[in-house]
């Protein structure tokens, strides 16, 4: 019986670690320079390929002319405006992430 209880306790620890490792973090901000679907695809591909843990990037029409909203969903909890801009590489000459914050 003690062995069974120990096994369940061990399984519970692994389950908690697995769920914590699957946590997703959402970041939103503003991006300029995105004027078409191809632009959005370029940004999305660059961020997904070069930022570890990024699973999804959405760019939608923003409230201000020329400024769109970017949403990044990542398994990493340390995505910043600077890391995202660095991931854009040469594309940063055309697209500027002007703000990026983690949603609570």
N, C-alpha and C. Protein backbone atom coordinates (compact mmCIF):
# COMPACT_ATOMS: atom_id res chain seq x y z
N UNK A 1 0.81 -1.18 0.00
CA UNK A 1 0.00 0.00 0.00
C UNK A 1 0.87 1.26 0.00
N UNK A 2 1.97 1.22 0.77
CA UNK A 2 2.86 2.38 0.81
C UNK A 2 3.47 2.64 -0.56
N UNK A 3 3.77 1.56 -1.27
CA UNK A 3 4.37 1.71 -2.59
C UNK A 3 3.39 2.36 -3.56
N UNK A 4 2.13 1.99 -3.45
CA UNK A 4 1.10 2.56 -4.30
C UNK A 4 0.93 4.05 -4.02
N UNK A 5 0.93 4.44 -2.76
CA UNK A 5 0.82 5.85 -2.39
C UNK A 5 2.01 6.64 -2.90
N UNK A 6 3.20 6.05 -2.79
CA UNK A 6 4.40 6.71 -3.28
C UNK A 6 4.34 6.88 -4.79
N UNK A 7 3.85 5.88 -5.49
CA UNK A 7 3.72 5.96 -6.95
C UNK A 7 2.75 7.08 -7.35
N UNK A 8 1.62 7.17 -6.66
CA UNK A 8 0.67 8.24 -6.96
C UNK A 8 1.26 9.62 -6.67
N UNK A 9 2.01 9.74 -5.61
CA UNK A 9 2.65 11.01 -5.28
C UNK A 9 3.65 11.40 -6.36
N UNK A 10 4.42 10.43 -6.82
CA UNK A 10 5.39 10.68 -7.88
C UNK A 10 4.71 11.08 -9.18
N UNK A 11 3.64 10.40 -9.52
CA UNK A 11 2.88 10.74 -10.72
C UNK A 11 2.29 12.15 -10.62
N UNK A 12 1.83 12.52 -9.46
CA UNK A 12 1.27 13.86 -9.27
C UNK A 12 2.33 14.93 -9.49
N UNK A 13 3.54 14.70 -9.02
CA UNK A 13 4.64 15.66 -9.21
C UNK A 13 4.93 15.81 -10.70
N UNK A 14 5.00 14.70 -11.43
CA UNK A 14 5.26 14.77 -12.87
C UNK A 14 4.13 15.47 -13.60
N UNK A 15 2.89 15.24 -13.19
CA UNK A 15 1.75 15.87 -13.83
C UNK A 15 1.80 17.38 -13.65
N UNK A 16 2.12 17.84 -12.46
CA UNK A 16 2.22 19.27 -12.19
C UNK A 16 3.34 19.88 -13.03
N UNK A 17 4.48 19.23 -13.12
CA UNK A 17 5.59 19.74 -13.93
C UNK A 17 5.22 19.78 -15.40
N UNK A 18 4.50 18.78 -15.88
CA UNK A 18 4.09 18.75 -17.28
C UNK A 18 3.16 19.90 -17.59
N UNK A 19 2.16 20.13 -16.72
CA UNK A 19 1.23 21.22 -16.97
C UNK A 19 1.93 22.57 -16.87
N UNK A 20 2.86 22.73 -15.97
CA UNK A 20 3.59 24.00 -15.84
C UNK A 20 4.44 24.23 -17.07
N UNK A 21 5.00 23.18 -17.64
CA UNK A 21 5.83 23.30 -18.82
C UNK A 21 5.03 23.64 -20.07
N UNK A 22 3.73 23.36 -20.05
CA UNK A 22 2.88 23.65 -21.19
C UNK A 22 2.23 25.02 -21.10
N UNK A 23 2.56 25.79 -20.08
CA UNK A 23 1.96 27.11 -19.92
C UNK A 23 2.30 27.98 -21.11
N UNK A 24 1.31 28.74 -21.53
CA UNK A 24 1.51 29.65 -22.66
C UNK A 24 1.41 31.08 -22.16
N UNK A 25 2.21 31.93 -22.75
CA UNK A 25 2.25 33.33 -22.39
C UNK A 25 1.87 34.15 -23.62
N UNK A 26 1.03 35.14 -23.42
CA UNK A 26 0.57 35.96 -24.53
C UNK A 26 1.11 37.38 -24.36
N UNK A 27 1.63 37.90 -25.45
CA UNK A 27 2.20 39.25 -25.49
C UNK A 27 1.47 40.03 -26.57
N UNK A 28 1.14 41.29 -26.29
CA UNK A 28 0.51 42.14 -27.30
C UNK A 28 1.24 43.46 -27.38
N UNK A 29 1.16 44.06 -28.55
CA UNK A 29 1.81 45.35 -28.75
C UNK A 29 1.45 45.94 -30.09
N UNK A 30 2.23 46.93 -30.49
CA UNK A 30 2.01 47.63 -31.75
C UNK A 30 3.16 47.34 -32.70
N UNK A 31 2.83 47.27 -34.00
CA UNK A 31 3.82 47.06 -35.04
C UNK A 31 3.48 47.95 -36.22
N UNK A 32 4.50 48.53 -36.82
CA UNK A 32 4.31 49.37 -38.00
C UNK A 32 4.98 48.70 -39.21
N UNK A 33 4.57 49.12 -40.40
CA UNK A 33 5.17 48.62 -41.62
C UNK A 33 4.44 47.44 -42.24
N UNK A 34 3.50 46.85 -41.53
CA UNK A 34 2.75 45.71 -42.05
C UNK A 34 1.54 46.26 -42.81
N UNK A 35 1.56 46.09 -44.15
CA UNK A 35 0.49 46.67 -44.97
C UNK A 35 -0.31 45.63 -45.74
N UNK A 36 0.12 44.35 -45.69
CA UNK A 36 -0.59 43.33 -46.44
C UNK A 36 -0.40 41.96 -45.78
N UNK A 37 -1.07 40.96 -46.34
CA UNK A 37 -0.97 39.60 -45.80
C UNK A 37 0.45 39.04 -45.93
N UNK A 38 1.14 39.39 -47.01
CA UNK A 38 2.52 38.91 -47.19
C UNK A 38 3.43 39.50 -46.11
N UNK A 39 3.24 40.76 -45.78
CA UNK A 39 4.03 41.39 -44.71
C UNK A 39 3.80 40.65 -43.40
N UNK A 40 2.54 40.39 -43.11
CA UNK A 40 2.18 39.68 -41.88
C UNK A 40 2.83 38.30 -41.85
N UNK A 41 2.83 37.62 -42.99
CA UNK A 41 3.44 36.28 -43.07
C UNK A 41 4.94 36.35 -42.84
N UNK A 42 5.61 37.37 -43.39
CA UNK A 42 7.06 37.53 -43.20
C UNK A 42 7.40 37.68 -41.72
N UNK A 43 6.65 38.55 -41.04
CA UNK A 43 6.88 38.80 -39.61
C UNK A 43 6.61 37.53 -38.81
N UNK A 44 5.48 36.89 -39.08
CA UNK A 44 5.11 35.68 -38.36
C UNK A 44 6.14 34.58 -38.54
N UNK A 45 6.59 34.36 -39.76
CA UNK A 45 7.59 33.33 -40.03
C UNK A 45 8.90 33.61 -39.31
N UNK A 46 9.33 34.86 -39.33
CA UNK A 46 10.60 35.22 -38.68
C UNK A 46 10.53 35.01 -37.17
N UNK A 47 9.45 35.47 -36.55
CA UNK A 47 9.34 35.35 -35.10
C UNK A 47 9.17 33.90 -34.68
N UNK A 48 8.40 33.14 -35.43
CA UNK A 48 8.19 31.73 -35.10
C UNK A 48 9.48 30.93 -35.25
N UNK A 49 10.26 31.25 -36.26
CA UNK A 49 11.50 30.51 -36.52
C UNK A 49 12.64 30.90 -35.59
N UNK A 50 12.69 32.16 -35.18
CA UNK A 50 13.87 32.64 -34.45
C UNK A 50 13.68 32.89 -32.96
N UNK A 51 12.44 32.92 -32.50
CA UNK A 51 12.20 33.09 -31.06
C UNK A 51 11.78 31.74 -30.48
N UNK A 52 12.60 31.17 -29.61
CA UNK A 52 12.26 29.86 -29.03
C UNK A 52 10.90 29.90 -28.32
N UNK A 53 10.10 28.88 -28.57
CA UNK A 53 8.83 28.75 -27.87
C UNK A 53 7.65 29.44 -28.50
N UNK A 54 7.89 30.28 -29.52
CA UNK A 54 6.77 30.98 -30.14
C UNK A 54 5.94 29.99 -30.94
N UNK A 55 4.66 29.95 -30.63
CA UNK A 55 3.75 29.03 -31.30
C UNK A 55 2.83 29.73 -32.29
N UNK A 56 2.54 31.01 -32.04
CA UNK A 56 1.58 31.71 -32.89
C UNK A 56 1.86 33.20 -32.88
N UNK A 57 1.72 33.81 -34.05
CA UNK A 57 1.83 35.26 -34.18
C UNK A 57 0.64 35.74 -35.00
N UNK A 58 -0.11 36.68 -34.46
CA UNK A 58 -1.24 37.27 -35.17
C UNK A 58 -0.99 38.77 -35.29
N UNK A 59 -1.28 39.29 -36.47
CA UNK A 59 -1.21 40.74 -36.68
C UNK A 59 -2.57 41.16 -37.20
N UNK A 60 -3.18 42.10 -36.48
CA UNK A 60 -4.51 42.58 -36.84
C UNK A 60 -4.50 44.10 -36.97
N UNK A 61 -5.52 44.61 -37.64
CA UNK A 61 -5.64 46.05 -37.83
C UNK A 61 -5.74 46.75 -36.49
N UNK A 62 -4.94 47.78 -36.33
CA UNK A 62 -4.95 48.55 -35.09
C UNK A 62 -5.90 49.72 -35.14
N UNK A 63 -5.93 50.48 -34.06
CA UNK A 63 -6.83 51.64 -33.96
C UNK A 63 -6.29 52.86 -34.70
N UNK A 64 -4.97 52.96 -34.82
CA UNK A 64 -4.35 54.11 -35.47
C UNK A 64 -3.91 53.75 -36.89
N UNK A 65 -3.97 54.70 -37.78
CA UNK A 65 -3.54 54.48 -39.16
C UNK A 65 -2.05 54.11 -39.19
N UNK A 66 -1.73 53.05 -39.90
CA UNK A 66 -0.34 52.63 -40.03
C UNK A 66 0.21 51.83 -38.87
N UNK A 67 -0.59 51.65 -37.83
CA UNK A 67 -0.14 50.89 -36.65
C UNK A 67 -1.08 49.70 -36.45
N UNK A 68 -0.52 48.52 -36.51
CA UNK A 68 -1.29 47.29 -36.31
C UNK A 68 -1.01 46.72 -34.94
N UNK A 69 -1.83 45.77 -34.52
CA UNK A 69 -1.65 45.08 -33.25
C UNK A 69 -1.01 43.73 -33.51
N UNK A 70 0.05 43.42 -32.75
CA UNK A 70 0.71 42.13 -32.85
C UNK A 70 0.44 41.34 -31.57
N UNK A 71 0.11 40.07 -31.73
CA UNK A 71 -0.10 39.18 -30.60
C UNK A 71 0.81 37.97 -30.80
N UNK A 72 1.62 37.69 -29.79
CA UNK A 72 2.55 36.56 -29.83
C UNK A 72 2.19 35.61 -28.70
N UNK A 73 2.02 34.33 -29.03
CA UNK A 73 1.77 33.30 -28.03
C UNK A 73 3.01 32.41 -27.98
N UNK A 74 3.58 32.29 -26.77
CA UNK A 74 4.84 31.57 -26.62
C UNK A 74 4.84 30.72 -25.36
N UNK A 75 5.63 29.66 -25.39
CA UNK A 75 5.85 28.86 -24.19
C UNK A 75 6.89 29.53 -23.30
N UNK A 76 7.64 30.48 -23.84
CA UNK A 76 8.67 31.19 -23.08
C UNK A 76 8.04 32.38 -22.38
N UNK A 77 8.56 32.69 -21.20
CA UNK A 77 8.00 33.81 -20.43
C UNK A 77 8.87 35.05 -20.51
N UNK A 78 9.82 35.07 -21.46
CA UNK A 78 10.76 36.19 -21.51
C UNK A 78 10.83 36.88 -22.87
N UNK A 79 9.72 36.90 -23.61
CA UNK A 79 9.69 37.58 -24.90
C UNK A 79 9.57 39.08 -24.62
N UNK A 80 10.43 39.87 -25.24
CA UNK A 80 10.40 41.32 -25.08
C UNK A 80 10.39 41.99 -26.44
N UNK A 81 10.15 43.28 -26.44
CA UNK A 81 10.22 44.05 -27.69
C UNK A 81 11.60 43.89 -28.31
N UNK A 82 12.64 43.96 -27.49
CA UNK A 82 14.00 43.86 -28.00
C UNK A 82 14.31 42.49 -28.58
N UNK A 83 13.87 41.41 -27.92
CA UNK A 83 14.15 40.07 -28.46
C UNK A 83 13.35 39.84 -29.74
N UNK A 84 12.13 40.36 -29.79
CA UNK A 84 11.32 40.22 -31.00
C UNK A 84 11.93 41.00 -32.16
N UNK A 85 12.40 42.21 -31.90
CA UNK A 85 13.03 43.00 -32.96
C UNK A 85 14.31 42.32 -33.44
N UNK A 86 15.08 41.77 -32.53
CA UNK A 86 16.30 41.06 -32.92
C UNK A 86 15.97 39.85 -33.78
N UNK A 87 14.87 39.17 -33.47
CA UNK A 87 14.46 37.99 -34.24
C UNK A 87 14.04 38.38 -35.66
N UNK A 88 13.57 39.59 -35.84
CA UNK A 88 13.20 40.04 -37.19
C UNK A 88 14.42 40.19 -38.09
N UNK A 89 15.59 40.42 -37.50
CA UNK A 89 16.80 40.55 -38.31
C UNK A 89 16.69 41.68 -39.31
N UNK A 90 16.99 41.40 -40.58
CA UNK A 90 16.93 42.42 -41.64
C UNK A 90 15.52 42.96 -41.86
N UNK A 91 14.51 42.20 -41.48
CA UNK A 91 13.13 42.66 -41.63
C UNK A 91 12.84 43.86 -40.73
N UNK A 92 13.68 44.06 -39.70
CA UNK A 92 13.48 45.18 -38.77
C UNK A 92 13.67 46.52 -39.47
N UNK A 93 14.25 46.51 -40.66
CA UNK A 93 14.37 47.75 -41.43
C UNK A 93 13.01 48.19 -41.95
N UNK A 94 12.11 47.23 -42.14
CA UNK A 94 10.78 47.51 -42.68
C UNK A 94 9.69 47.50 -41.62
N UNK A 95 9.80 46.56 -40.68
CA UNK A 95 8.77 46.38 -39.65
C UNK A 95 9.33 46.76 -38.30
N UNK A 96 8.60 47.59 -37.58
CA UNK A 96 9.03 48.04 -36.26
C UNK A 96 8.00 47.65 -35.20
N UNK A 97 8.42 46.85 -34.25
CA UNK A 97 7.57 46.56 -33.09
C UNK A 97 7.82 47.70 -32.12
N UNK A 98 6.82 48.56 -31.96
CA UNK A 98 7.01 49.76 -31.15
C UNK A 98 6.67 49.57 -29.69
N UNK A 99 5.90 48.52 -29.39
CA UNK A 99 5.61 48.19 -28.00
C UNK A 99 5.25 46.70 -27.92
N UNK A 100 5.53 46.10 -26.78
CA UNK A 100 5.19 44.69 -26.56
C UNK A 100 5.14 44.45 -25.06
N UNK A 101 4.02 43.94 -24.59
CA UNK A 101 3.86 43.68 -23.15
C UNK A 101 3.17 42.34 -22.94
N UNK A 102 3.52 41.70 -21.85
CA UNK A 102 2.90 40.42 -21.50
C UNK A 102 1.51 40.68 -20.92
N UNK A 103 0.54 39.92 -21.42
CA UNK A 103 -0.81 40.04 -20.87
C UNK A 103 -0.86 39.29 -19.54
N UNK A 104 -1.56 39.86 -18.58
CA UNK A 104 -1.65 39.18 -17.28
C UNK A 104 -2.44 37.89 -17.34
